[in-house]
C-alpha atoms as a PDB file:
ATOM      1  CA  MET A   1     -23.000  31.892  45.316  1.00  0.00           C
ATOM      2  CA  SER A   2     -23.980  34.659  43.130  1.00  0.00           C
ATOM      3  CA  ASN A   3     -27.341  34.607  40.740  1.00  0.00           C
ATOM      4  CA  PHE A   4     -25.625  36.995  38.186  1.00  0.00           C
ATOM      5  CA  HIS A   5     -24.172  34.469  35.711  1.00  0.00           C
ATOM      6  CA  GLY A   6     -25.779  34.054  32.126  1.00  0.00           C
ATOM      7  CA  ILE A   7     -27.518  37.073  29.927  1.00  0.00           C
ATOM      8  CA  TRP A   8     -29.360  39.674  31.877  1.00  0.00           C
ATOM      9  CA  VAL A   9     -31.368  41.811  29.700  1.00  0.00           C
ATOM     10  CA  ALA A  10     -32.334  45.179  30.463  1.00  0.00           C
ATOM     11  CA  LEU A  11     -36.021  45.685  29.903  1.00  0.00           C
ATOM     12  CA  VAL A  12     -37.432  48.172  28.026  1.00  0.00           C
ATOM     13  CA  THR A  13     -40.975  49.336  29.719  1.00  0.00           C
ATOM     14  CA  PRO A  14     -43.235  49.280  26.656  1.00  0.00           C
ATOM     15  CA  PHE A  15     -46.341  52.137  26.754  1.00  0.00           C
ATOM     16  CA  HIS A  16     -49.454  52.714  25.274  1.00  0.00           C
ATOM     17  CA  SER A  17     -51.439  56.434  25.648  1.00  0.00           C
ATOM     18  CA  ASP A  18     -48.650  57.210  27.706  1.00  0.00           C
ATOM     19  CA  GLN A  19     -49.367  54.471  30.139  1.00  0.00           C
ATOM     20  CA  VAL A  20     -47.507  51.725  30.794  1.00  0.00           C
ATOM     21  CA  ASP A  21     -48.614  48.586  28.852  1.00  0.00           C
ATOM     22  CA  PHE A  22     -48.439  45.577  31.224  1.00  0.00           C
ATOM     23  CA  GLU A  23     -49.562  43.002  29.026  1.00  0.00           C
ATOM     24  CA  ALA A  24     -46.563  43.967  26.742  1.00  0.00           C
ATOM     25  CA  LEU A  25     -44.322  44.286  29.194  1.00  0.00           C
ATOM     26  CA  GLN A  26     -44.687  40.760  30.545  1.00  0.00           C
ATOM     27  CA  GLY A  27     -44.986  39.381  27.106  1.00  0.00           C
ATOM     28  CA  LEU A  28     -41.951  40.679  26.546  1.00  0.00           C
ATOM     29  CA  ALA A  29     -40.418  39.154  29.501  1.00  0.00           C
ATOM     30  CA  LYS A  30     -41.434  35.920  28.847  1.00  0.00           C
ATOM     31  CA  ARG A  31     -40.409  35.576  25.556  1.00  0.00           C
ATOM     32  CA  LEU A  32     -37.070  36.738  26.912  1.00  0.00           C
ATOM     33  CA  LEU A  33     -36.788  34.280  29.725  1.00  0.00           C
ATOM     34  CA  ASN A  34     -38.346  31.594  27.049  1.00  0.00           C
ATOM     35  CA  GLU A  35     -35.198  31.644  24.809  1.00  0.00           C
ATOM     36  CA  GLY A  36     -33.081  31.484  27.407  1.00  0.00           C
ATOM     37  CA  VAL A  37     -32.206  35.071  29.175  1.00  0.00           C
ATOM     38  CA  ARG A  38     -30.894  34.230  33.228  1.00  0.00           C
ATOM     39  CA  GLY A  39     -32.357  37.496  34.178  1.00  0.00           C
ATOM     40  CA  LEU A  40     -34.174  40.782  33.785  1.00  0.00           C
ATOM     41  CA  VAL A  41     -33.286  44.252  34.869  1.00  0.00           C
ATOM     42  CA  VAL A  42     -36.429  46.245  35.422  1.00  0.00           C
ATOM     43  CA  CYS A  43     -36.390  49.768  35.640  1.00  0.00           C
ATOM     44  CA  GLY A  44     -32.864  50.554  34.573  1.00  0.00           C
ATOM     45  CA  THR A  45     -31.678  53.406  32.601  1.00  0.00           C
ATOM     46  CA  THR A  46     -33.196  51.577  29.648  1.00  0.00           C
ATOM     47  CA  GLY A  47     -36.496  51.219  31.409  1.00  0.00           C
ATOM     48  CA  GLU A  48     -37.631  54.553  31.234  1.00  0.00           C
ATOM     49  CA  ALA A  49     -37.966  54.575  35.071  1.00  0.00           C
ATOM     50  CA  ALA A  50     -36.669  58.510  35.078  1.00  0.00           C
ATOM     51  CA  ALA A  51     -40.027  59.351  33.359  1.00  0.00           C
ATOM     52  CA  MET A  52     -42.103  57.117  36.301  1.00  0.00           C
ATOM     53  CA  SER A  53     -43.274  57.649  39.459  1.00  0.00           C
ATOM     54  CA  LYS A  54     -41.862  55.592  42.815  1.00  0.00           C
ATOM     55  CA  ASP A  55     -45.182  54.106  42.429  1.00  0.00           C
ATOM     56  CA  ASP A  56     -45.332  53.429  38.889  1.00  0.00           C
ATOM     57  CA  GLN A  57     -41.988  51.839  39.031  1.00  0.00           C
ATOM     58  CA  VAL A  58     -42.739  49.447  41.686  1.00  0.00           C
ATOM     59  CA  GLU A  59     -46.247  48.429  39.330  1.00  0.00           C
ATOM     60  CA  VAL A  60     -43.551  47.686  36.557  1.00  0.00           C
ATOM     61  CA  LEU A  61     -41.608  45.374  39.126  1.00  0.00           C
ATOM     62  CA  ASP A  62     -44.913  43.570  40.538  1.00  0.00           C
ATOM     63  CA  ALA A  63     -45.968  42.922  36.993  1.00  0.00           C
ATOM     64  CA  VAL A  64     -42.668  41.399  36.051  1.00  0.00           C
ATOM     65  CA  LEU A  65     -42.529  39.264  39.058  1.00  0.00           C
ATOM     66  CA  GLU A  66     -45.963  37.721  37.898  1.00  0.00           C
ATOM     67  CA  VAL A  67     -43.926  36.164  34.899  1.00  0.00           C
ATOM     68  CA  ALA A  68     -40.465  35.580  36.319  1.00  0.00           C
ATOM     69  CA  HIS A  69     -39.196  34.036  39.377  1.00  0.00           C
ATOM     70  CA  PRO A  70     -37.297  36.793  41.916  1.00  0.00           C
ATOM     71  CA  SER A  71     -33.691  35.523  41.348  1.00  0.00           C
ATOM     72  CA  GLN A  72     -34.309  36.147  37.529  1.00  0.00           C
ATOM     73  CA  VAL A  73     -34.952  40.222  38.239  1.00  0.00           C
ATOM     74  CA  THR A  74     -32.992  42.588  39.746  1.00  0.00           C
ATOM     75  CA  MET A  75     -34.401  46.294  39.929  1.00  0.00           C
ATOM     76  CA  GLY A  76     -33.331  49.383  38.918  1.00  0.00           C
ATOM     77  CA  LEU A  77     -34.565  52.494  40.991  1.00  0.00           C
ATOM     78  CA  SER A  78     -34.099  55.561  39.598  1.00  0.00           C
ATOM     79  CA  GLY A  79     -35.716  59.279  39.130  1.00  0.00           C
ATOM     80  CA  ASN A  80     -35.103  63.209  39.788  1.00  0.00           C
ATOM     81  CA  ALA A  81     -36.489  63.708  42.931  1.00  0.00           C
ATOM     82  CA  LEU A  82     -34.232  61.953  45.599  1.00  0.00           C
ATOM     83  CA  PRO A  83     -36.345  62.653  48.885  1.00  0.00           C
ATOM     84  CA  GLN A  84     -39.297  60.642  46.843  1.00  0.00           C
ATOM     85  CA  LEU A  85     -36.734  57.863  46.012  1.00  0.00           C
ATOM     86  CA  GLY A  86     -35.381  57.467  49.649  1.00  0.00           C
ATOM     87  CA  ARG A  87     -39.155  56.858  50.656  1.00  0.00           C
END
């Protein structure tokens, strides 16, 4: 059975001073889940993924997984350098 039912939200990735604001990101994820959202899409096109390195994207995923169950999270992988995305 698919976990993809209900409302899934494409998260924005909040920044402060050109750095990911992990506290704000986790707060947003918790609030959405507490309000009844079924799942979260991390680092999709809404989440500024193309502006981040692969390592930064993984850090964002890890931060969301600290506050959400893995079954509630799906990950986009985006960027402008195809060789780096495949590693």
